[in-house]
Amino acid sequence: MSIDEVIRLLREIKDLGDTGKETVSKAKSTAKKAKSVAKKVKRAPSAYNKYMKKKMASLKKKHPRKKHAAIFKQAAKSWKRSPERKRSMK
C-alpha cells in the first residue's frame, strides 16, 4: 500500500465522523510506518567496513579460540597500517 493510498483512506475515514475513530488511529499508524519504510535507504559499506569484515573472517579462521573482542582489536590495529585506509583517505 502506498503512502498516497493511505492518505486517501484517512480522508475517507474522517468523512465518516466519530464512528471511525479507532479505524482512523490504525490508518494513521499504518501511514507513519509506510513513510518510515519509504525513507530508509541502506548506505553502501565504507572501506573500513569492508576491510574489517574480510580481516575478521581471516583472523577467526587462524585463531578460532580467541575472543571476538581481541580479534576485533587486532583487526582495528591492522587497519591503521593497511593500504586500503590510505586509499580511502584521499
PDB file of N, CA and C in Angstrom:
ATOM      1  N   MET A   1       0.853  -1.167   0.000  1.00  0.00           N
ATOM      2  CA  MET A   1       0.000   0.000   0.000  1.00  0.00           C
ATOM      3  C   MET A   1       0.902   1.235   0.000  1.00  0.00           C
ATOM      4  N   SER A   2       0.660   2.151  -0.899  1.00  0.00           N
ATOM      5  CA  SER A   2       1.492   3.344  -1.000  1.00  0.00           C
ATOM      6  C   SER A   2       1.012   4.408  -0.024  1.00  0.00           C
ATOM      7  N   ILE A   3       1.821   5.405   0.152  1.00  0.00           N
ATOM      8  CA  ILE A   3       1.504   6.498   1.065  1.00  0.00           C
ATOM      9  C   ILE A   3       0.280   7.261   0.580  1.00  0.00           C
ATOM     10  N   ASP A   4       0.165   7.437  -0.726  1.00  0.00           N
ATOM     11  CA  ASP A   4      -0.983   8.159  -1.283  1.00  0.00           C
ATOM     12  C   ASP A   4      -2.289   7.421  -0.995  1.00  0.00           C
ATOM     13  N   GLU A   5      -2.250   6.102  -1.097  1.00  0.00           N
ATOM     14  CA  GLU A   5      -3.450   5.314  -0.815  1.00  0.00           C
ATOM     15  C   GLU A   5      -3.850   5.433   0.653  1.00  0.00           C
ATOM     16  N   VAL A   6      -2.856   5.417   1.534  1.00  0.00           N
ATOM     17  CA  VAL A   6      -3.133   5.532   2.961  1.00  0.00           C
ATOM     18  C   VAL A   6      -3.741   6.893   3.269  1.00  0.00           C
ATOM     19  N   ILE A   7      -3.204   7.937   2.666  1.00  0.00           N
ATOM     20  CA  ILE A   7      -3.728   9.292   2.891  1.00  0.00           C
ATOM     21  C   ILE A   7      -5.163   9.395   2.372  1.00  0.00           C
ATOM     22  N   ARG A   8      -5.414   8.795   1.222  1.00  0.00           N
ATOM     23  CA  ARG A   8      -6.773   8.810   0.663  1.00  0.00           C
ATOM     24  C   ARG A   8      -7.736   8.104   1.611  1.00  0.00           C
ATOM     25  N   LEU A   9      -7.323   6.971   2.158  1.00  0.00           N
ATOM     26  CA  LEU A   9      -8.162   6.240   3.102  1.00  0.00           C
ATOM     27  C   LEU A   9      -8.414   7.053   4.370  1.00  0.00           C
ATOM     28  N   LEU A  10      -7.412   7.747   4.833  1.00  0.00           N
ATOM     29  CA  LEU A  10      -7.578   8.595   6.020  1.00  0.00           C
ATOM     30  C   LEU A  10      -8.638   9.661   5.786  1.00  0.00           C
ATOM     31  N   ARG A  11      -8.592  10.270   4.620  1.00  0.00           N
ATOM     32  CA  ARG A  11      -9.583  11.305   4.302  1.00  0.00           C
ATOM     33  C   ARG A  11     -10.988  10.730   4.245  1.00  0.00           C
ATOM     34  N   GLU A  12     -11.120   9.550   3.667  1.00  0.00           N
ATOM     35  CA  GLU A  12     -12.437   8.911   3.592  1.00  0.00           C
ATOM     36  C   GLU A  12     -12.956   8.575   4.980  1.00  0.00           C
ATOM     37  N   ILE A  13     -12.074   8.107   5.849  1.00  0.00           N
ATOM     38  CA  ILE A  13     -12.479   7.736   7.206  1.00  0.00           C
ATOM     39  C   ILE A  13     -12.878   8.965   8.004  1.00  0.00           C
ATOM     40  N   LYS A  14     -12.171  10.083   7.799  1.00  0.00           N
ATOM     41  CA  LYS A  14     -12.519  11.317   8.500  1.00  0.00           C
ATOM     42  C   LYS A  14     -13.915  11.784   8.109  1.00  0.00           C
ATOM     43  N   ASP A  15     -14.284  11.534   6.867  1.00  0.00           N
ATOM     44  CA  ASP A  15     -15.618  11.922   6.399  1.00  0.00           C
ATOM     45  C   ASP A  15     -16.716  11.118   7.090  1.00  0.00           C
ATOM     46  N   LEU A  16     -16.380   9.930   7.601  1.00  0.00           N
ATOM     47  CA  LEU A  16     -17.369   9.096   8.275  1.00  0.00           C
ATOM     48  C   LEU A  16     -17.794   9.686   9.617  1.00  0.00           C
ATOM     49  N   GLY A  17     -16.934  10.475  10.231  1.00  0.00           N
ATOM     50  CA  GLY A  17     -17.275  11.095  11.512  1.00  0.00           C
ATOM     51  C   GLY A  17     -16.719  10.302  12.682  1.00  0.00           C
ATOM     52  N   ASP A  18     -17.432  10.382  13.825  1.00  0.00           N
ATOM     53  CA  ASP A  18     -16.973   9.759  15.071  1.00  0.00           C
ATOM     54  C   ASP A  18     -17.008   8.236  15.038  1.00  0.00           C
ATOM     55  N   THR A  19     -17.743   7.639  14.145  1.00  0.00           N
ATOM     56  CA  THR A  19     -17.862   6.179  14.132  1.00  0.00           C
ATOM     57  C   THR A  19     -16.563   5.498  13.750  1.00  0.00           C
ATOM     58  N   GLY A  20     -15.674   6.211  13.084  1.00  0.00           N
ATOM     59  CA  GLY A  20     -14.452   5.583  12.616  1.00  0.00           C
ATOM     60  C   GLY A  20     -13.198   6.015  13.363  1.00  0.00           C
ATOM     61  N   LYS A  21     -13.313   6.450  14.630  1.00  0.00           N
ATOM     62  CA  LYS A  21     -12.146   6.940  15.374  1.00  0.00           C
ATOM     63  C   LYS A  21     -11.064   5.872  15.509  1.00  0.00           C
ATOM     64  N   GLU A  22     -11.473   4.667  15.827  1.00  0.00           N
ATOM     65  CA  GLU A  22     -10.497   3.580  16.005  1.00  0.00           C
ATOM     66  C   GLU A  22      -9.812   3.262  14.680  1.00  0.00           C
ATOM     67  N   THR A  23     -10.580   3.268  13.618  1.00  0.00           N
ATOM     68  CA  THR A  23     -10.031   2.993  12.300  1.00  0.00           C
ATOM     69  C   THR A  23      -9.071   4.099  11.877  1.00  0.00           C
ATOM     70  N   VAL A  24      -9.379   5.338  12.246  1.00  0.00           N
ATOM     71  CA  VAL A  24      -8.510   6.466  11.911  1.00  0.00           C
ATOM     72  C   VAL A  24      -7.153   6.294  12.581  1.00  0.00           C
ATOM     73  N   SER A  25      -7.152   5.907  13.843  1.00  0.00           N
ATOM     74  CA  SER A  25      -5.877   5.748  14.549  1.00  0.00           C
ATOM     75  C   SER A  25      -5.056   4.614  13.941  1.00  0.00           C
ATOM     76  N   LYS A  26      -5.708   3.541  13.534  1.00  0.00           N
ATOM     77  CA  LYS A  26      -4.993   2.439  12.876  1.00  0.00           C
ATOM     78  C   LYS A  26      -4.425   2.883  11.528  1.00  0.00           C
ATOM     79  N   ALA A  27      -5.214   3.650  10.804  1.00  0.00           N
ATOM     80  CA  ALA A  27      -4.768   4.126   9.494  1.00  0.00           C
ATOM     81  C   ALA A  27      -3.598   5.095   9.643  1.00  0.00           C
ATOM     82  N   LYS A  28      -3.634   5.938  10.674  1.00  0.00           N
ATOM     83  CA  LYS A  28      -2.534   6.878  10.901  1.00  0.00           C
ATOM     84  C   LYS A  28      -1.250   6.126  11.218  1.00  0.00           C
ATOM     85  N   SER A  29      -1.346   5.099  12.057  1.00  0.00           N
ATOM     86  CA  SER A  29      -0.136   4.337  12.386  1.00  0.00           C
ATOM     87  C   SER A  29       0.399   3.617  11.148  1.00  0.00           C
ATOM     88  N   THR A  30      -0.481   3.139  10.303  1.00  0.00           N
ATOM     89  CA  THR A  30      -0.056   2.498   9.059  1.00  0.00           C
ATOM     90  C   THR A  30       0.637   3.504   8.150  1.00  0.00           C
ATOM     91  N   ALA A  31       0.107   4.719   8.093  1.00  0.00           N
ATOM     92  CA  ALA A  31       0.711   5.762   7.260  1.00  0.00           C
ATOM     93  C   ALA A  31       2.097   6.122   7.766  1.00  0.00           C
ATOM     94  N   LYS A  32       2.270   6.217   9.082  1.00  0.00           N
ATOM     95  CA  LYS A  32       3.581   6.521   9.658  1.00  0.00           C
ATOM     96  C   LYS A  32       4.581   5.431   9.322  1.00  0.00           C
ATOM     97  N   LYS A  33       4.156   4.184   9.430  1.00  0.00           N
ATOM     98  CA  LYS A  33       5.044   3.058   9.117  1.00  0.00           C
ATOM     99  C   LYS A  33       5.439   3.088   7.640  1.00  0.00           C
ATOM    100  N   ALA A  34       4.485   3.399   6.785  1.00  0.00           N
ATOM    101  CA  ALA A  34       4.763   3.437   5.350  1.00  0.00           C
ATOM    102  C   ALA A  34       5.765   4.543   5.031  1.00  0.00           C
ATOM    103  N   LYS A  35       5.631   5.681   5.696  1.00  0.00           N
ATOM    104  CA  LYS A  35       6.569   6.786   5.469  1.00  0.00           C
ATOM    105  C   LYS A  35       7.967   6.421   5.941  1.00  0.00           C
ATOM    106  N   SER A  36       8.066   5.791   7.117  1.00  0.00           N
ATOM    107  CA  SER A  36       9.394   5.451   7.641  1.00  0.00           C
ATOM    108  C   SER A  36      10.072   4.399   6.779  1.00  0.00           C
ATOM    109  N   VAL A  37       9.312   3.458   6.255  1.00  0.00           N
ATOM    110  CA  VAL A  37       9.885   2.436   5.379  1.00  0.00           C
ATOM    111  C   VAL A  37      10.358   3.066   4.077  1.00  0.00           C
ATOM    112  N   ALA A  38       9.605   4.023   3.579  1.00  0.00           N
ATOM    113  CA  ALA A  38       9.960   4.684   2.320  1.00  0.00           C
ATOM    114  C   ALA A  38      11.229   5.525   2.474  1.00  0.00           C
ATOM    115  N   LYS A  39      11.467   6.104   3.660  1.00  0.00           N
ATOM    116  CA  LYS A  39      12.617   6.977   3.873  1.00  0.00           C
ATOM    117  C   LYS A  39      13.922   6.209   4.039  1.00  0.00           C
ATOM    118  N   LYS A  40      13.879   4.991   4.581  1.00  0.00           N
ATOM    119  CA  LYS A  40      15.094   4.256   4.891  1.00  0.00           C
ATOM    120  C   LYS A  40      15.768   3.747   3.619  1.00  0.00           C
ATOM    121  N   VAL A  41      16.987   4.196   3.430  1.00  0.00           N
ATOM    122  CA  VAL A  41      17.782   3.751   2.293  1.00  0.00           C
ATOM    123  C   VAL A  41      19.105   3.261   2.854  1.00  0.00           C
ATOM    124  N   LYS A  42      19.459   2.045   2.535  1.00  0.00           N
ATOM    125  CA  LYS A  42      20.678   1.455   3.076  1.00  0.00           C
ATOM    126  C   LYS A  42      21.895   2.027   2.362  1.00  0.00           C
ATOM    127  N   ARG A  43      22.859   2.497   3.160  1.00  0.00           N
ATOM    128  CA  ARG A  43      24.077   3.051   2.590  1.00  0.00           C
ATOM    129  C   ARG A  43      25.039   1.935   2.214  1.00  0.00           C
ATOM    130  N   ALA A  44      25.919   2.254   1.293  1.00  0.00           N
ATOM    131  CA  ALA A  44      26.958   1.302   0.894  1.00  0.00           C
ATOM    132  C   ALA A  44      27.990   1.217   2.021  1.00  0.00           C
ATOM    133  N   PRO A  45      28.573   0.038   2.234  1.00  0.00           N
ATOM    134  CA  PRO A  45      29.581  -0.089   3.295  1.00  0.00           C
ATOM    135  C   PRO A  45      30.836   0.716   2.960  1.00  0.00           C
ATOM    136  N   SER A  46      31.437   1.281   3.992  1.00  0.00           N
ATOM    137  CA  SER A  46      32.645   2.078   3.806  1.00  0.00           C
ATOM    138  C   SER A  46      33.841   1.153   3.592  1.00  0.00           C
ATOM    139  N   ALA A  47      34.967   1.744   3.265  1.00  0.00           N
ATOM    140  CA  ALA A  47      36.198   0.971   3.075  1.00  0.00           C
ATOM    141  C   ALA A  47      36.568   0.267   4.377  1.00  0.00           C
ATOM    142  N   TYR A  48      36.352   0.944   5.504  1.00  0.00           N
ATOM    143  CA  TYR A  48      36.637   0.353   6.814  1.00  0.00           C
ATOM    144  C   TYR A  48      35.756  -0.868   7.059  1.00  0.00           C
ATOM    145  N   ASN A  49      34.463  -0.752   6.765  1.00  0.00           N
ATOM    146  CA  ASN A  49      33.542  -1.870   6.965  1.00  0.00           C
ATOM    147  C   ASN A  49      33.935  -3.083   6.135  1.00  0.00           C
ATOM    148  N   LYS A  50      34.270  -2.828   4.890  1.00  0.00           N
ATOM    149  CA  LYS A  50      34.674  -3.926   4.004  1.00  0.00           C
ATOM    150  C   LYS A  50      35.948  -4.583   4.504  1.00  0.00           C
ATOM    151  N   TYR A  51      36.918  -3.765   4.891  1.00  0.00           N
ATOM    152  CA  TYR A  51      38.194  -4.281   5.379  1.00  0.00           C
ATOM    153  C   TYR A  51      37.995  -5.123   6.648  1.00  0.00           C
ATOM    154  N   MET A  52      37.230  -4.590   7.594  1.00  0.00           N
ATOM    155  CA  MET A  52      37.023  -5.282   8.865  1.00  0.00           C
ATOM    156  C   MET A  52      36.304  -6.613   8.660  1.00  0.00           C
ATOM    157  N   LYS A  53      35.351  -6.649   7.778  1.00  0.00           N
ATOM    158  CA  LYS A  53      34.627  -7.895   7.519  1.00  0.00           C
ATOM    159  C   LYS A  53      35.577  -8.964   6.989  1.00  0.00           C
ATOM    160  N   LYS A  54      36.413  -8.573   6.027  1.00  0.00           N
ATOM    161  CA  LYS A  54      37.362  -9.506   5.427  1.00  0.00           C
ATOM    162  C   LYS A  54      38.424  -9.938   6.443  1.00  0.00           C
ATOM    163  N   LYS A  55      38.968  -8.972   7.178  1.00  0.00           N
ATOM    164  CA  LYS A  55      40.033  -9.241   8.137  1.00  0.00           C
ATOM    165  C   LYS A  55      39.533 -10.078   9.313  1.00  0.00           C
ATOM    166  N   MET A  56      38.358  -9.783   9.804  1.00  0.00           N
ATOM    167  CA  MET A  56      37.788 -10.543  10.926  1.00  0.00           C
ATOM    168  C   MET A  56      37.592 -12.005  10.535  1.00  0.00           C
ATOM    169  N   ALA A  57      37.121 -12.243   9.324  1.00  0.00           N
ATOM    170  CA  ALA A  57      36.910 -13.619   8.868  1.00  0.00           C
ATOM    171  C   ALA A  57      38.237 -14.377   8.812  1.00  0.00           C
ATOM    172  N   SER A  58      39.270 -13.737   8.284  1.00  0.00           N
ATOM    173  CA  SER A  58      40.560 -14.422   8.185  1.00  0.00           C
ATOM    174  C   SER A  58      41.179 -14.652   9.562  1.00  0.00           C
ATOM    175  N   LEU A  59      41.051 -13.686  10.454  1.00  0.00           N
ATOM    176  CA  LEU A  59      41.609 -13.851  11.800  1.00  0.00           C
ATOM    177  C   LEU A  59      40.863 -14.919  12.597  1.00  0.00           C
ATOM    178  N   LYS A  60      39.558 -15.008  12.412  1.00  0.00           N
ATOM    179  CA  LYS A  60      38.784 -16.036  13.114  1.00  0.00           C
ATOM    180  C   LYS A  60      39.153 -17.429  12.630  1.00  0.00           C
ATOM    181  N   LYS A  61      39.502 -17.552  11.355  1.00  0.00           N
ATOM    182  CA  LYS A  61      39.952 -18.848  10.834  1.00  0.00           C
ATOM    183  C   LYS A  61      41.281 -19.244  11.457  1.00  0.00           C
ATOM    184  N   LYS A  62      42.196 -18.271  11.558  1.00  0.00           N
ATOM    185  CA  LYS A  62      43.528 -18.539  12.103  1.00  0.00           C
ATOM    186  C   LYS A  62      43.489 -18.806  13.603  1.00  0.00           C
ATOM    187  N   HIS A  63      42.621 -18.086  14.319  1.00  0.00           N
ATOM    188  CA  HIS A  63      42.552 -18.163  15.782  1.00  0.00           C
ATOM    189  C   HIS A  63      41.116 -18.439  16.228  1.00  0.00           C
ATOM    190  N   PRO A  64      40.617 -19.662  16.059  1.00  0.00           N
ATOM    191  CA  PRO A  64      39.207 -19.939  16.363  1.00  0.00           C
ATOM    192  C   PRO A  64      38.854 -19.844  17.850  1.00  0.00           C
ATOM    193  N   ARG A  65      39.824 -20.017  18.728  1.00  0.00           N
ATOM    194  CA  ARG A  65      39.527 -19.988  20.166  1.00  0.00           C
ATOM    195  C   ARG A  65      39.675 -18.606  20.790  1.00  0.00           C
ATOM    196  N   LYS A  66      40.203 -17.680  20.055  1.00  0.00           N
ATOM    197  CA  LYS A  66      40.411 -16.324  20.557  1.00  0.00           C
ATOM    198  C   LYS A  66      39.071 -15.602  20.685  1.00  0.00           C
ATOM    199  N   LYS A  67      38.963 -14.732  21.679  1.00  0.00           N
ATOM    200  CA  LYS A  67      37.716 -13.978  21.891  1.00  0.00           C
ATOM    201  C   LYS A  67      37.509 -12.962  20.770  1.00  0.00           C
ATOM    202  N   HIS A  68      36.243 -12.668  20.519  1.00  0.00           N
ATOM    203  CA  HIS A  68      35.867 -11.725  19.457  1.00  0.00           C
ATOM    204  C   HIS A  68      36.499 -10.353  19.689  1.00  0.00           C
ATOM    205  N   ALA A  69      36.470  -9.891  20.935  1.00  0.00           N
ATOM    206  CA  ALA A  69      36.993  -8.556  21.239  1.00  0.00           C
ATOM    207  C   ALA A  69      38.483  -8.456  20.915  1.00  0.00           C
ATOM    208  N   ALA A  70      39.225  -9.503  21.233  1.00  0.00           N
ATOM    209  CA  ALA A  70      40.661  -9.498  20.964  1.00  0.00           C
ATOM    210  C   ALA A  70      40.937  -9.504  19.462  1.00  0.00           C
ATOM    211  N   ILE A  71      40.155 -10.280  18.723  1.00  0.00           N
ATOM    212  CA  ILE A  71      40.318 -10.338  17.276  1.00  0.00           C
ATOM    213  C   ILE A  71      39.960  -8.991  16.650  1.00  0.00           C
ATOM    214  N   PHE A  72      38.903  -8.374  17.140  1.00  0.00           N
ATOM    215  CA  PHE A  72      38.477  -7.075  16.613  1.00  0.00           C
ATOM    216  C   PHE A  72      39.554  -6.026  16.865  1.00  0.00           C
ATOM    217  N   LYS A  73      40.132  -6.058  18.056  1.00  0.00           N
ATOM    218  CA  LYS A  73      41.190  -5.110  18.402  1.00  0.00           C
ATOM    219  C   LYS A  73      42.386  -5.270  17.459  1.00  0.00           C
ATOM    220  N   GLN A  74      42.737  -6.527  17.197  1.00  0.00           N
ATOM    221  CA  GLN A  74      43.858  -6.817  16.299  1.00  0.00           C
ATOM    222  C   GLN A  74      43.555  -6.322  14.880  1.00  0.00           C
ATOM    223  N   ALA A  75      42.348  -6.555  14.415  1.00  0.00           N
ATOM    224  CA  ALA A  75      41.957  -6.125  13.072  1.00  0.00           C
ATOM    225  C   ALA A  75      41.952  -4.598  12.967  1.00  0.00           C
ATOM    226  N   ALA A  76      41.476  -3.928  14.013  1.00  0.00           N
ATOM    227  CA  ALA A  76      41.439  -2.465  14.011  1.00  0.00           C
ATOM    228  C   ALA A  76      42.851  -1.881  13.976  1.00  0.00           C
ATOM    229  N   LYS A  77      43.769  -2.503  14.699  1.00  0.00           N
ATOM    230  CA  LYS A  77      45.163  -2.042  14.669  1.00  0.00           C
ATOM    231  C   LYS A  77      45.756  -2.216  13.278  1.00  0.00           C
ATOM    232  N   SER A  78      45.430  -3.329  12.637  1.00  0.00           N
ATOM    233  CA  SER A  78      45.977  -3.560  11.305  1.00  0.00           C
ATOM    234  C   SER A  78      45.381  -2.602  10.272  1.00  0.00           C
ATOM    235  N   TRP A  79      44.182  -2.083  10.538  1.00  0.00           N
ATOM    236  CA  TRP A  79      43.556  -1.099   9.637  1.00  0.00           C
ATOM    237  C   TRP A  79      44.407   0.163   9.558  1.00  0.00           C
ATOM    238  N   LYS A  80      45.012   0.545  10.678  1.00  0.00           N
ATOM    239  CA  LYS A  80      45.844   1.756  10.691  1.00  0.00           C
ATOM    240  C   LYS A  80      46.987   1.671   9.689  1.00  0.00           C
ATOM    241  N   ARG A  81      47.551   0.482   9.535  1.00  0.00           N
ATOM    242  CA  ARG A  81      48.702   0.301   8.653  1.00  0.00           C
ATOM    243  C   ARG A  81      48.326  -0.156   7.242  1.00  0.00           C
ATOM    244  N   SER A  82      47.070  -0.415   7.004  1.00  0.00           N
ATOM    245  CA  SER A  82      46.676  -1.018   5.732  1.00  0.00           C
ATOM    246  C   SER A  82      46.686  -0.020   4.573  1.00  0.00           C
ATOM    247  N   PRO A  83      46.986  -0.492   3.391  1.00  0.00           N
ATOM    248  CA  PRO A  83      46.962   0.393   2.213  1.00  0.00           C
ATOM    249  C   PRO A  83      45.544   0.825   1.836  1.00  0.00           C
ATOM    250  N   GLU A  84      44.526   0.027   2.197  1.00  0.00           N
ATOM    251  CA  GLU A  84      43.144   0.410   1.901  1.00  0.00           C
ATOM    252  C   GLU A  84      42.759   1.693   2.644  1.00  0.00           C
ATOM    253  N   ARG A  85      43.282   1.842   3.862  1.00  0.00           N
ATOM    254  CA  ARG A  85      42.983   3.043   4.649  1.00  0.00           C
ATOM    255  C   ARG A  85      43.553   4.270   3.951  1.00  0.00           C
ATOM    256  N   LYS A  86      44.752   4.144   3.494  1.00  0.00           N
ATOM    257  CA  LYS A  86      45.400   5.280   2.848  1.00  0.00           C
ATOM    258  C   LYS A  86      44.660   5.681   1.571  1.00  0.00           C
ATOM    259  N   ARG A  87      44.112   4.674   0.857  1.00  0.00           N
ATOM    260  CA  ARG A  87      43.347   4.966  -0.365  1.00  0.00           C
ATOM    261  C   ARG A  87      42.023   5.628  -0.028  1.00  0.00           C
ATOM    262  N   SER A  88      41.404   5.207   1.080  1.00  0.00           N
ATOM    263  CA  SER A  88      40.095   5.746   1.418  1.00  0.00           C
ATOM    264  C   SER A  88      40.169   7.171   1.966  1.00  0.00           C
ATOM    265  N   MET A  89      41.359   7.596   2.401  1.00  0.00           N
ATOM    266  CA  MET A  89      41.509   8.929   2.986  1.00  0.00           C
ATOM    267  C   MET A  89      41.830  10.008   1.960  1.00  0.00           C
ATOM    268  N   LYS A  90      42.001   9.633   0.721  1.00  0.00           N
ATOM    269  CA  LYS A  90      42.335  10.615  -0.320  1.00  0.00           C
ATOM    270  C   LYS A  90      41.184  11.514  -0.633  1.00  0.00           C
TER     271      LYS A  90
END
